Amino acid sequence: MNAAVAEALADPRIGAAGEDELAAEAAHWDEVEIEAGADELDDVRRGRPIEWATQTVTQGEVLDAFRDYCRDELDDVEVIESAPSRLALGWRRERSTIELRAGYLFCDRLAVDGPVLLLAPIGPRTTERFLDEASLRSRVAVLDLERLEKIAAVRSSVFVYFEWFLRDAYGVKILPERTFTTGLVERGIISLGMG
């Protein structure tokens, strides 16, 4: 089964979705070429290799290292819940989640307790969907660790800590996905003008 479809069917936050609804949702997102059953999803998400100039890691290794960093090094970030592909974190009264995903099907339903940062590949349909849906981009952010790019308009101190962690621990910097920023400017949603 397609990993993104299996992920949507297995996630109780998404709820029941019929075959037609799944097909319609999948058509709005970039194609996920990985096959996996429900019992293989964590392995697929965690095992995604991330190749940076000086090292190769997996998404799961990065998530685990950030969890440990929050527990051991950050006094103001609390690890509320830790699962193989998901971290629920708190900073003061703010609650945020960082999750590894195979795809983004029904991702608007994942931000139930606060903003969510999804770590998975970003493609052109993902960018268009976030440009088209203000309610989606106000609650969900996506970050592609391979490309070192993000689509993010949501505020979360935890997400800032995550980017600082990536910089300090791995020497990588996350940049805004270029076509997303350009699309926001072209639609008049943001302005990059001086003054």
C-alpha atoms as a PDB file:
ATOM      1  CA  MET A   1       0.000   0.000   0.000  1.00  0.00           C
ATOM      2  CA  ASN A   2       1.155   3.550  -0.633  1.00  0.00           C
ATOM      3  CA  ALA A   3       2.850   4.784   2.566  1.00  0.00           C
ATOM      4  CA  ALA A   4       0.974   8.108   2.626  1.00  0.00           C
ATOM      5  CA  VAL A   5      -2.368   6.315   2.302  1.00  0.00           C
ATOM      6  CA  ALA A   6      -1.405   3.749   4.948  1.00  0.00           C
ATOM      7  CA  GLU A   7      -0.357   6.602   7.230  1.00  0.00           C
ATOM      8  CA  ALA A   8      -3.693   8.391   6.797  1.00  0.00           C
ATOM      9  CA  LEU A   9      -5.651   5.201   7.447  1.00  0.00           C
ATOM     10  CA  ALA A  10      -3.616   4.348  10.558  1.00  0.00           C
ATOM     11  CA  ASP A  11      -3.737   7.782  12.221  1.00  0.00           C
ATOM     12  CA  PRO A  12      -6.749   8.090  14.567  1.00  0.00           C
ATOM     13  CA  ARG A  13      -6.586  11.911  14.401  1.00  0.00           C
ATOM     14  CA  ILE A  14      -7.541  11.749  10.745  1.00  0.00           C
ATOM     15  CA  GLY A  15     -10.625   9.638  11.305  1.00  0.00           C
ATOM     16  CA  ALA A  16     -12.383   7.347   8.898  1.00  0.00           C
ATOM     17  CA  ALA A  17     -11.731   8.143   5.241  1.00  0.00           C
ATOM     18  CA  GLY A  18     -13.349   6.307   2.368  1.00  0.00           C
ATOM     19  CA  GLU A  19     -11.556   5.239  -0.788  1.00  0.00           C
ATOM     20  CA  ASP A  20     -12.907   8.193  -2.813  1.00  0.00           C
ATOM     21  CA  GLU A  21     -11.957  10.690  -0.104  1.00  0.00           C
ATOM     22  CA  LEU A  22      -8.437   9.226   0.099  1.00  0.00           C
ATOM     23  CA  ALA A  23      -8.021   9.381  -3.673  1.00  0.00           C
ATOM     24  CA  ALA A  24      -9.221  12.991  -3.801  1.00  0.00           C
ATOM     25  CA  GLU A  25      -6.886  14.015  -0.973  1.00  0.00           C
ATOM     26  CA  ALA A  26      -3.913  12.198  -2.526  1.00  0.00           C
ATOM     27  CA  ALA A  27      -4.503  14.056  -5.800  1.00  0.00           C
ATOM     28  CA  HIS A  28      -3.850  17.367  -3.998  1.00  0.00           C
ATOM     29  CA  TRP A  29      -0.380  16.375  -2.791  1.00  0.00           C
ATOM     30  CA  ASP A  30       2.908  15.259  -4.300  1.00  0.00           C
ATOM     31  CA  GLU A  31       3.077  11.555  -5.071  1.00  0.00           C
ATOM     32  CA  VAL A  32       4.672   9.359  -2.430  1.00  0.00           C
ATOM     33  CA  GLU A  33       6.505   6.494  -4.117  1.00  0.00           C
ATOM     34  CA  ILE A  34       7.178   4.434  -0.983  1.00  0.00           C
ATOM     35  CA  GLU A  35       5.079   1.378  -0.202  1.00  0.00           C
ATOM     36  CA  ALA A  36       4.437   0.353   3.407  1.00  0.00           C
ATOM     37  CA  GLY A  37       1.866  -1.334   5.578  1.00  0.00           C
ATOM     38  CA  ALA A  38       0.603   0.157   8.827  1.00  0.00           C
ATOM     39  CA  ASP A  39       3.103  -1.904  10.839  1.00  0.00           C
ATOM     40  CA  GLU A  40       6.049  -0.583   8.759  1.00  0.00           C
ATOM     41  CA  LEU A  41       5.250   3.133   8.892  1.00  0.00           C
ATOM     42  CA  ASP A  42       7.566   4.099  11.745  1.00  0.00           C
ATOM     43  CA  ASP A  43      10.464   2.270  10.087  1.00  0.00           C
ATOM     44  CA  VAL A  44       9.802   4.008   6.760  1.00  0.00           C
ATOM     45  CA  ARG A  45       9.469   7.472   8.300  1.00  0.00           C
ATOM     46  CA  ARG A  46      12.403   7.086  10.688  1.00  0.00           C
ATOM     47  CA  GLY A  47      14.636   5.431   8.108  1.00  0.00           C
ATOM     48  CA  ARG A  48      14.482   8.172   5.477  1.00  0.00           C
ATOM     49  CA  PRO A  49      18.153   8.928   4.765  1.00  0.00           C
ATOM     50  CA  ILE A  50      19.244  12.546   4.947  1.00  0.00           C
ATOM     51  CA  GLU A  51      22.474  13.272   3.089  1.00  0.00           C
ATOM     52  CA  TRP A  52      24.216  16.474   4.010  1.00  0.00           C
ATOM     53  CA  ALA A  53      27.625  17.557   2.732  1.00  0.00           C
ATOM     54  CA  THR A  54      29.584  16.184   5.678  1.00  0.00           C
ATOM     55  CA  GLN A  55      27.349  13.399   6.979  1.00  0.00           C
ATOM     56  CA  THR A  56      24.423  11.073   6.419  1.00  0.00           C
ATOM     57  CA  VAL A  57      21.764  10.632   9.085  1.00  0.00           C
ATOM     58  CA  THR A  58      18.177   9.437   9.166  1.00  0.00           C
ATOM     59  CA  GLN A  59      15.085  11.425  10.071  1.00  0.00           C
ATOM     60  CA  GLY A  60      14.642   9.175  13.095  1.00  0.00           C
ATOM     61  CA  GLU A  61      18.152   9.914  14.344  1.00  0.00           C
ATOM     62  CA  VAL A  62      17.516  13.657  14.046  1.00  0.00           C
ATOM     63  CA  LEU A  63      14.187  13.404  15.907  1.00  0.00           C
ATOM     64  CA  ASP A  64      15.735  11.299  18.687  1.00  0.00           C
ATOM     65  CA  ALA A  65      18.680  13.683  19.034  1.00  0.00           C
ATOM     66  CA  PHE A  66      16.325  16.666  19.319  1.00  0.00           C
ATOM     67  CA  ARG A  67      14.248  14.852  21.945  1.00  0.00           C
ATOM     68  CA  ASP A  68      17.390  14.161  23.977  1.00  0.00           C
ATOM     69  CA  TYR A  69      18.558  17.752  23.518  1.00  0.00           C
ATOM     70  CA  CYS A  70      15.218  19.067  24.810  1.00  0.00           C
ATOM     71  CA  ARG A  71      15.309  16.737  27.831  1.00  0.00           C
ATOM     72  CA  ASP A  72      18.971  17.228  28.716  1.00  0.00           C
ATOM     73  CA  GLU A  73      19.920  20.730  27.579  1.00  0.00           C
ATOM     74  CA  LEU A  74      16.828  22.958  27.454  1.00  0.00           C
ATOM     75  CA  ASP A  75      15.291  24.039  30.726  1.00  0.00           C
ATOM     76  CA  ASP A  76      12.370  25.818  29.077  1.00  0.00           C
ATOM     77  CA  VAL A  77      11.271  23.116  26.596  1.00  0.00           C
ATOM     78  CA  GLU A  78       9.392  20.130  28.019  1.00  0.00           C
ATOM     79  CA  VAL A  79       9.046  16.777  26.263  1.00  0.00           C
ATOM     80  CA  ILE A  80       5.385  16.032  26.904  1.00  0.00           C
ATOM     81  CA  GLU A  81       5.203  12.888  24.776  1.00  0.00           C
ATOM     82  CA  SER A  82       7.741  10.934  22.762  1.00  0.00           C
ATOM     83  CA  ALA A  83       6.814   8.304  20.193  1.00  0.00           C
ATOM     84  CA  PRO A  84       8.961   6.788  17.416  1.00  0.00           C
ATOM     85  CA  SER A  85       7.737   9.306  14.824  1.00  0.00           C
ATOM     86  CA  ARG A  86       6.325  12.101  16.978  1.00  0.00           C
ATOM     87  CA  LEU A  87       7.365  14.538  19.696  1.00  0.00           C
ATOM     88  CA  ALA A  88       4.856  16.614  21.632  1.00  0.00           C
ATOM     89  CA  LEU A  89       6.684  19.537  23.203  1.00  0.00           C
ATOM     90  CA  GLY A  90       5.847  22.443  25.444  1.00  0.00           C
ATOM     91  CA  TRP A  91       7.375  25.863  25.846  1.00  0.00           C
ATOM     92  CA  ARG A  92       5.673  27.932  28.533  1.00  0.00           C
ATOM     93  CA  ARG A  93       1.961  27.659  27.636  1.00  0.00           C
ATOM     94  CA  GLU A  94       2.639  26.834  23.987  1.00  0.00           C
ATOM     95  CA  ARG A  95       2.182  23.251  22.801  1.00  0.00           C
ATOM     96  CA  SER A  96       3.730  22.128  19.520  1.00  0.00           C
ATOM     97  CA  THR A  97       4.364  18.828  17.778  1.00  0.00           C
ATOM     98  CA  ILE A  98       7.147  17.658  15.484  1.00  0.00           C
ATOM     99  CA  GLU A  99       6.333  14.585  13.416  1.00  0.00           C
ATOM    100  CA  LEU A 100       7.985  12.421  10.803  1.00  0.00           C
ATOM    101  CA  ARG A 101       5.608  11.750   7.910  1.00  0.00           C
ATOM    102  CA  ALA A 102       5.646   9.793   4.662  1.00  0.00           C
ATOM    103  CA  GLY A 103       3.235  12.311   3.095  1.00  0.00           C
ATOM    104  CA  TYR A 104       0.832  15.089   3.976  1.00  0.00           C
ATOM    105  CA  LEU A 105      -2.606  13.533   3.440  1.00  0.00           C
ATOM    106  CA  PHE A 106      -5.163  15.216   5.744  1.00  0.00           C
ATOM    107  CA  CYS A 107      -2.333  17.045   7.541  1.00  0.00           C
ATOM    108  CA  ASP A 108      -4.765  19.813   8.502  1.00  0.00           C
ATOM    109  CA  ARG A 109      -6.300  17.330  10.956  1.00  0.00           C
ATOM    110  CA  LEU A 110      -2.980  16.759  12.764  1.00  0.00           C
ATOM    111  CA  ALA A 111      -2.784  20.176  14.447  1.00  0.00           C
ATOM    112  CA  VAL A 112      -5.225  19.402  17.240  1.00  0.00           C
ATOM    113  CA  ASP A 113      -3.275  20.629  20.287  1.00  0.00           C
ATOM    114  CA  GLY A 114      -1.259  23.408  18.660  1.00  0.00           C
ATOM    115  CA  PRO A 115       0.973  23.939  15.665  1.00  0.00           C
ATOM    116  CA  VAL A 116       2.589  20.923  14.024  1.00  0.00           C
ATOM    117  CA  LEU A 117       5.874  20.694  12.102  1.00  0.00           C
ATOM    118  CA  LEU A 118       5.932  17.787   9.663  1.00  0.00           C
ATOM    119  CA  LEU A 119       9.272  16.425   8.462  1.00  0.00           C
ATOM    120  CA  ALA A 120       8.949  14.901   4.986  1.00  0.00           C
ATOM    121  CA  PRO A 121       9.832  15.704   1.358  1.00  0.00           C
ATOM    122  CA  ILE A 122       8.479  18.945  -0.114  1.00  0.00           C
ATOM    123  CA  GLY A 123       7.346  19.016  -3.734  1.00  0.00           C
ATOM    124  CA  PRO A 124       5.515  21.497  -5.994  1.00  0.00           C
ATOM    125  CA  ARG A 125       1.992  20.370  -5.050  1.00  0.00           C
ATOM    126  CA  THR A 126       2.825  20.819  -1.366  1.00  0.00           C
ATOM    127  CA  THR A 127       3.910  24.380  -2.034  1.00  0.00           C
ATOM    128  CA  GLU A 128       0.732  25.145  -4.007  1.00  0.00           C
ATOM    129  CA  ARG A 129      -1.523  23.641  -1.347  1.00  0.00           C
ATOM    130  CA  PHE A 130       0.059  25.789   1.378  1.00  0.00           C
ATOM    131  CA  LEU A 131      -0.212  28.879  -0.813  1.00  0.00           C
ATOM    132  CA  ASP A 132      -3.886  28.193  -1.501  1.00  0.00           C
ATOM    133  CA  GLU A 133      -5.013  27.392   2.059  1.00  0.00           C
ATOM    134  CA  ALA A 134      -4.511  30.073   4.706  1.00  0.00           C
ATOM    135  CA  SER A 135      -6.028  27.861   7.424  1.00  0.00           C
ATOM    136  CA  LEU A 136      -3.499  25.125   6.644  1.00  0.00           C
ATOM    137  CA  ARG A 137      -0.447  27.385   6.715  1.00  0.00           C
ATOM    138  CA  SER A 138      -1.638  28.990   9.967  1.00  0.00           C
ATOM    139  CA  ARG A 139      -1.449  25.641  11.848  1.00  0.00           C
ATOM    140  CA  VAL A 140       0.933  23.358   9.938  1.00  0.00           C
ATOM    141  CA  ALA A 141       4.543  23.804   8.844  1.00  0.00           C
ATOM    142  CA  VAL A 142       6.581  21.386   6.743  1.00  0.00           C
ATOM    143  CA  LEU A 143      10.326  20.944   6.611  1.00  0.00           C
ATOM    144  CA  ASP A 144      12.371  18.852   4.191  1.00  0.00           C
ATOM    145  CA  LEU A 145      15.584  17.834   5.960  1.00  0.00           C
ATOM    146  CA  GLU A 146      17.135  16.636   2.687  1.00  0.00           C
ATOM    147  CA  ARG A 147      16.573  19.946   0.865  1.00  0.00           C
ATOM    148  CA  LEU A 148      17.035  22.013   4.057  1.00  0.00           C
ATOM    149  CA  GLU A 149      13.918  24.004   3.173  1.00  0.00           C
ATOM    150  CA  LYS A 150      10.684  24.764   4.974  1.00  0.00           C
ATOM    151  CA  ILE A 151       7.194  25.991   4.282  1.00  0.00           C
ATOM    152  CA  ALA A 152       6.240  27.760   7.461  1.00  0.00           C
ATOM    153  CA  ALA A 153       3.999  30.681   8.353  1.00  0.00           C
ATOM    154  CA  VAL A 154       2.985  29.409  11.784  1.00  0.00           C
ATOM    155  CA  ARG A 155       4.537  30.749  14.978  1.00  0.00           C
ATOM    156  CA  SER A 156       6.102  28.280  17.367  1.00  0.00           C
ATOM    157  CA  SER A 157       9.061  28.790  19.675  1.00  0.00           C
ATOM    158  CA  VAL A 158       9.676  25.030  19.634  1.00  0.00           C
ATOM    159  CA  PHE A 159      10.170  25.132  15.860  1.00  0.00           C
ATOM    160  CA  VAL A 160      12.748  27.905  16.315  1.00  0.00           C
ATOM    161  CA  TYR A 161      14.559  25.784  18.888  1.00  0.00           C
ATOM    162  CA  PHE A 162      14.535  22.890  16.382  1.00  0.00           C
ATOM    163  CA  GLU A 163      16.183  25.020  13.702  1.00  0.00           C
ATOM    164  CA  TRP A 164      18.783  26.262  16.190  1.00  0.00           C
ATOM    165  CA  PHE A 165      19.432  22.643  17.175  1.00  0.00           C
ATOM    166  CA  LEU A 166      19.967  21.637  13.529  1.00  0.00           C
ATOM    167  CA  ARG A 167      22.416  24.505  13.103  1.00  0.00           C
ATOM    168  CA  ASP A 168      24.362  23.787  16.290  1.00  0.00           C
ATOM    169  CA  ALA A 169      24.342  19.958  16.201  1.00  0.00           C
ATOM    170  CA  TYR A 170      24.654  19.330  12.460  1.00  0.00           C
ATOM    171  CA  GLY A 171      25.920  22.604  11.005  1.00  0.00           C
ATOM    172  CA  VAL A 172      22.946  23.019   8.651  1.00  0.00           C
ATOM    173  CA  LYS A 173      20.708  26.023   8.073  1.00  0.00           C
ATOM    174  CA  ILE A 174      17.046  25.783   7.105  1.00  0.00           C
ATOM    175  CA  LEU A 175      15.859  28.233   4.448  1.00  0.00           C
ATOM    176  CA  PRO A 176      12.355  29.151   3.303  1.00  0.00           C
ATOM    177  CA  GLU A 177      11.216  27.205   0.246  1.00  0.00           C
ATOM    178  CA  ARG A 178      11.778  29.729  -2.553  1.00  0.00           C
ATOM    179  CA  THR A 179       8.587  29.246  -4.570  1.00  0.00           C
ATOM    180  CA  PHE A 180       6.480  29.444  -1.412  1.00  0.00           C
ATOM    181  CA  THR A 181       7.962  32.820  -0.483  1.00  0.00           C
ATOM    182  CA  THR A 182       7.617  34.057  -4.066  1.00  0.00           C
ATOM    183  CA  GLY A 183       3.995  32.877  -4.155  1.00  0.00           C
ATOM    184  CA  LEU A 184       3.166  34.696  -0.909  1.00  0.00           C
ATOM    185  CA  VAL A 185       4.633  37.919  -2.330  1.00  0.00           C
ATOM    186  CA  GLU A 186       2.833  37.513  -5.696  1.00  0.00           C
ATOM    187  CA  ARG A 187      -0.494  37.016  -3.910  1.00  0.00           C
ATOM    188  CA  GLY A 188       0.056  40.069  -1.716  1.00  0.00           C
ATOM    189  CA  ILE A 189       0.078  37.992   1.473  1.00  0.00           C
ATOM    190  CA  ILE A 190       3.526  39.274   2.484  1.00  0.00           C
ATOM    191  CA  SER A 191       5.790  42.077   1.322  1.00  0.00           C
ATOM    192  CA  LEU A 192       9.547  41.938   1.245  1.00  0.00           C
ATOM    193  CA  GLY A 193       9.846  45.672   0.590  1.00  0.00           C
ATOM    194  CA  MET A 194      12.130  47.848   2.631  1.00  0.00           C
ATOM    195  CA  GLY A 195      10.218  50.377   4.688  1.00  0.00           C
END
